N, C-alpha and C. Protein backbone atom coordinates (compact mmCIF):
# COMPACT_ATOMS: atom_id res chain seq x y z
N MET A 1 96.09 116.55 102.80
CA MET A 1 97.20 117.01 102.02
C MET A 1 97.02 118.36 101.45
N SER A 2 95.76 118.65 101.17
CA SER A 2 95.50 120.01 100.44
C SER A 2 95.92 121.18 101.39
N ARG A 3 95.78 120.96 102.72
CA ARG A 3 96.20 122.16 103.59
C ARG A 3 97.69 122.26 103.68
N VAL A 4 98.44 121.18 103.55
CA VAL A 4 99.92 121.21 103.62
C VAL A 4 100.41 121.81 102.32
N LEU A 5 99.63 121.53 101.31
CA LEU A 5 100.09 122.05 99.88
C LEU A 5 99.44 123.13 99.38
N ARG A 6 98.77 124.01 100.18
CA ARG A 6 97.93 125.01 99.73
C ARG A 6 98.51 126.05 98.81
N GLU A 7 99.99 125.97 98.65
CA GLU A 7 100.52 127.00 97.78
C GLU A 7 100.66 126.54 96.36
N TYR A 8 100.09 125.20 96.14
CA TYR A 8 100.06 124.72 94.87
C TYR A 8 98.64 124.50 94.29
N ASN A 9 98.43 124.47 93.07
CA ASN A 9 97.13 124.10 92.45
C ASN A 9 97.00 122.60 92.59
N LEU A 10 95.91 122.00 93.22
CA LEU A 10 95.85 120.62 93.23
C LEU A 10 94.62 120.14 92.58
N ILE A 11 94.77 118.92 91.95
CA ILE A 11 93.50 118.21 91.56
C ILE A 11 93.59 116.84 92.22
N LEU A 12 92.60 116.77 93.07
CA LEU A 12 92.70 115.57 93.96
C LEU A 12 91.63 114.30 93.36
N THR A 13 92.26 113.21 93.33
CA THR A 13 91.26 112.12 92.96
C THR A 13 91.54 110.89 93.94
N ALA A 14 90.45 110.19 93.94
CA ALA A 14 90.16 109.15 95.02
C ALA A 14 90.70 107.78 94.42
N THR A 15 90.54 107.60 93.12
CA THR A 15 90.89 106.26 92.54
C THR A 15 91.81 106.43 91.40
N LEU A 16 92.19 105.24 91.10
CA LEU A 16 93.19 105.20 89.79
C LEU A 16 92.40 105.52 88.45
N ALA A 17 91.14 105.26 88.41
CA ALA A 17 90.24 105.63 87.27
C ALA A 17 90.15 107.09 87.21
N GLU A 18 89.87 107.78 88.38
CA GLU A 18 89.77 109.22 88.27
C GLU A 18 91.11 109.82 87.91
N ALA A 19 92.29 109.22 88.54
CA ALA A 19 93.64 109.80 88.18
C ALA A 19 93.83 109.84 86.78
N ARG A 20 93.58 108.66 86.10
CA ARG A 20 93.80 108.45 84.66
C ARG A 20 92.88 109.44 83.94
N ALA A 21 91.69 109.50 84.34
CA ALA A 21 90.89 110.51 83.60
C ALA A 21 91.47 111.91 83.69
N ALA A 22 91.74 112.32 84.89
CA ALA A 22 92.40 113.71 85.11
C ALA A 22 93.71 113.93 84.38
N LEU A 23 94.45 112.93 84.26
CA LEU A 23 95.67 113.04 83.52
C LEU A 23 95.54 113.09 82.07
N ALA A 24 94.38 112.53 81.59
CA ALA A 24 94.08 112.64 80.15
C ALA A 24 93.73 114.12 79.76
N SER A 25 93.18 114.76 80.66
CA SER A 25 92.79 116.17 80.26
C SER A 25 93.57 117.44 80.78
N ILE A 26 94.61 117.13 81.58
CA ILE A 26 95.52 118.18 81.91
C ILE A 26 97.02 117.65 81.90
N GLN A 27 97.89 118.52 81.93
CA GLN A 27 99.29 118.15 81.89
C GLN A 27 99.88 118.96 83.27
N PRO A 28 99.92 118.16 84.27
CA PRO A 28 100.46 118.59 85.59
C PRO A 28 101.97 118.64 85.56
N ASP A 29 102.47 119.55 86.35
CA ASP A 29 103.97 119.62 86.63
C ASP A 29 104.39 118.49 87.43
N LEU A 30 103.47 117.88 88.18
CA LEU A 30 103.93 116.73 89.06
C LEU A 30 102.66 115.87 89.55
N VAL A 31 102.79 114.62 89.54
CA VAL A 31 101.74 113.71 89.92
C VAL A 31 102.19 113.08 91.15
N ILE A 32 101.48 113.13 92.32
CA ILE A 32 101.62 112.55 93.59
C ILE A 32 100.60 111.49 93.64
N THR A 33 101.03 110.11 93.83
CA THR A 33 100.06 109.14 94.02
C THR A 33 100.51 108.20 95.14
N ASP A 34 99.54 107.52 95.73
CA ASP A 34 99.70 106.46 96.65
C ASP A 34 100.13 105.21 95.95
N GLY A 35 100.87 104.36 96.55
CA GLY A 35 101.24 103.12 95.91
C GLY A 35 100.17 102.12 95.81
N VAL A 36 99.19 102.16 96.76
CA VAL A 36 98.11 101.29 96.67
C VAL A 36 96.79 102.05 96.56
N LEU A 37 96.02 101.91 95.45
CA LEU A 37 94.80 102.58 95.37
C LEU A 37 93.66 101.55 95.34
N SER A 38 92.40 101.95 95.72
CA SER A 38 91.32 101.04 95.83
C SER A 38 91.02 100.37 94.56
N ASP A 39 91.32 100.87 93.46
CA ASP A 39 90.99 100.17 92.24
C ASP A 39 92.14 99.76 91.27
N GLY A 40 93.30 99.78 91.89
CA GLY A 40 94.50 99.40 91.11
C GLY A 40 95.79 99.62 91.81
N ASP A 41 96.92 99.29 91.15
CA ASP A 41 98.25 99.30 91.62
C ASP A 41 98.84 100.89 91.35
N GLY A 42 98.87 101.59 92.33
CA GLY A 42 99.49 103.03 92.18
C GLY A 42 100.79 103.02 91.74
N ALA A 43 101.68 102.10 92.30
CA ALA A 43 103.07 102.07 92.12
C ALA A 43 103.25 101.70 90.60
N ALA A 44 102.65 100.81 90.12
CA ALA A 44 102.90 100.40 88.67
C ALA A 44 102.31 101.56 87.68
N TRP A 45 101.22 102.20 88.04
CA TRP A 45 100.79 103.23 87.43
C TRP A 45 101.98 104.40 87.38
N ALA A 46 102.46 104.68 88.60
CA ALA A 46 103.39 105.73 88.65
C ALA A 46 104.59 105.47 87.82
N GLU A 47 105.07 104.20 87.69
CA GLU A 47 106.17 103.76 86.84
C GLU A 47 105.74 103.87 85.30
N GLU A 48 104.50 103.69 85.04
CA GLU A 48 104.07 103.76 83.68
C GLU A 48 104.05 105.26 83.27
N ILE A 49 103.54 106.14 83.92
CA ILE A 49 103.54 107.57 83.56
C ILE A 49 104.84 108.19 83.71
N PHE A 50 105.74 107.73 84.53
CA PHE A 50 107.10 108.21 84.80
C PHE A 50 107.84 107.79 83.42
N ALA A 51 107.69 106.51 82.98
CA ALA A 51 108.21 106.18 81.82
C ALA A 51 107.82 106.97 80.40
N SER A 52 106.63 107.69 80.59
CA SER A 52 106.22 108.43 79.45
C SER A 52 106.68 109.93 79.57
N GLY A 53 107.48 110.17 80.74
CA GLY A 53 108.03 111.59 80.71
C GLY A 53 107.30 112.43 81.80
N GLN A 54 106.27 112.01 82.49
CA GLN A 54 105.57 112.52 83.57
C GLN A 54 106.48 112.67 84.91
N MET A 55 106.66 113.76 85.54
CA MET A 55 107.18 113.84 86.72
C MET A 55 106.38 113.22 87.81
N VAL A 56 106.84 112.12 88.62
CA VAL A 56 105.83 111.51 89.54
C VAL A 56 106.59 111.28 90.92
N LEU A 57 105.77 111.55 92.07
CA LEU A 57 106.17 111.15 93.35
C LEU A 57 105.26 110.17 93.96
N LEU A 58 105.90 108.91 94.30
CA LEU A 58 105.05 107.85 94.95
C LEU A 58 105.09 107.93 96.38
N VAL A 59 104.05 107.82 97.01
CA VAL A 59 103.89 107.85 98.58
C VAL A 59 103.48 106.46 98.82
N SER A 60 104.29 105.71 99.71
CA SER A 60 103.91 104.31 100.03
C SER A 60 104.43 103.86 101.32
N GLY A 61 103.74 102.99 101.86
CA GLY A 61 104.11 102.37 102.95
C GLY A 61 104.84 101.05 102.75
N SER A 62 104.49 100.34 101.62
CA SER A 62 105.25 99.07 101.29
C SER A 62 105.63 99.04 99.78
N GLU A 63 104.79 99.72 98.98
CA GLU A 63 105.09 99.57 97.55
C GLU A 63 106.23 100.54 97.21
N LYS A 64 107.33 100.01 96.66
CA LYS A 64 108.43 100.84 96.31
C LYS A 64 108.76 100.84 94.77
N SER A 65 109.59 101.61 94.31
CA SER A 65 109.88 101.83 92.98
C SER A 65 111.39 101.92 92.77
N LYS A 66 111.91 101.37 91.75
CA LYS A 66 113.48 101.46 91.55
C LYS A 66 113.66 102.71 90.67
N ILE A 67 112.57 103.21 90.03
CA ILE A 67 112.62 104.18 89.13
C ILE A 67 111.92 105.51 89.42
N VAL A 68 110.95 105.41 90.16
CA VAL A 68 110.24 106.60 90.60
C VAL A 68 110.50 107.05 91.95
N PRO A 69 110.77 108.37 92.10
CA PRO A 69 111.21 108.88 93.60
C PRO A 69 109.86 108.73 94.46
N TYR A 70 110.15 108.28 95.64
CA TYR A 70 109.14 107.93 96.61
C TYR A 70 109.39 108.41 98.01
N LEU A 71 108.28 108.53 98.73
CA LEU A 71 108.46 108.90 100.09
C LEU A 71 107.63 107.77 101.03
N ASP A 72 108.26 107.43 102.10
CA ASP A 72 107.72 106.42 102.84
C ASP A 72 106.69 107.01 103.75
N LYS A 73 105.63 106.14 103.96
CA LYS A 73 104.54 106.61 104.95
C LYS A 73 104.99 106.11 106.33
N PRO A 74 104.62 106.83 107.39
CA PRO A 74 103.84 108.06 107.38
C PRO A 74 104.61 109.30 106.87
N VAL A 75 103.99 110.07 106.09
CA VAL A 75 104.66 111.24 105.42
C VAL A 75 104.87 112.37 106.36
N VAL A 76 106.13 112.79 106.38
CA VAL A 76 106.45 114.00 107.22
C VAL A 76 106.18 115.25 106.20
N HIS A 77 105.31 116.02 106.72
CA HIS A 77 104.89 117.24 105.85
C HIS A 77 106.03 117.94 105.32
N ASN A 78 107.03 118.33 106.09
CA ASN A 78 108.26 119.05 105.67
C ASN A 78 108.98 118.39 104.61
N GLU A 79 109.12 117.09 104.82
CA GLU A 79 109.83 116.14 103.82
C GLU A 79 109.09 116.23 102.43
N LEU A 80 107.68 116.15 102.52
CA LEU A 80 106.84 116.09 101.30
C LEU A 80 107.16 117.48 100.58
N LYS A 81 107.05 118.60 101.30
CA LYS A 81 107.28 119.95 100.66
C LYS A 81 108.67 120.05 100.11
N ARG A 82 109.60 119.58 100.81
CA ARG A 82 111.02 119.75 100.29
C ARG A 82 111.16 118.89 99.04
N MET A 83 110.69 117.57 99.03
CA MET A 83 110.80 116.86 97.75
C MET A 83 110.05 117.57 96.56
N ILE A 84 108.83 118.08 96.80
CA ILE A 84 108.07 118.71 95.90
C ILE A 84 108.85 119.90 95.23
N ARG A 85 109.42 120.72 96.22
CA ARG A 85 110.31 121.85 95.73
C ARG A 85 111.43 121.49 94.83
N GLU A 86 112.19 120.36 95.38
CA GLU A 86 113.36 119.83 94.67
C GLU A 86 112.84 119.38 93.29
N MET A 87 111.85 118.62 93.14
CA MET A 87 111.40 118.03 91.84
C MET A 87 110.93 119.11 90.83
N LEU A 88 110.39 120.07 91.46
CA LEU A 88 109.90 121.18 90.73
C LEU A 88 111.03 122.31 90.41
N GLY A 89 112.19 122.18 90.85
CA GLY A 89 113.30 123.03 90.70
C GLY A 89 112.99 124.25 91.40
N GLN A 90 112.38 124.27 92.55
CA GLN A 90 112.21 125.47 93.30
C GLN A 90 113.17 125.72 94.46
N GLY A 91 114.21 124.84 94.55
CA GLY A 91 115.17 125.03 95.64
C GLY A 91 114.65 124.47 96.85
N ALA A 92 115.33 124.60 98.02
CA ALA A 92 114.95 124.04 99.41
C ALA A 92 114.11 124.96 99.94
């Protein structure tokens, strides 16, 4: 993903615990998370932080959300870029 999104500053985490810790120390413009993480429910966490005002994009094969914008897997790189630009107000 970092190659596809090289125009953005990224902080990559591998687990829900790492993501929570990172979010506690920074205020990102956008959080992108998988729906299923090795140590927790990424979709539930996405809804939790979305409800607190954080902009979130959920990427998932099966976990969906009725409140958080999401992309289905497998992710099409151009669609991911389009959604990020749209969510960040950068146009198409």
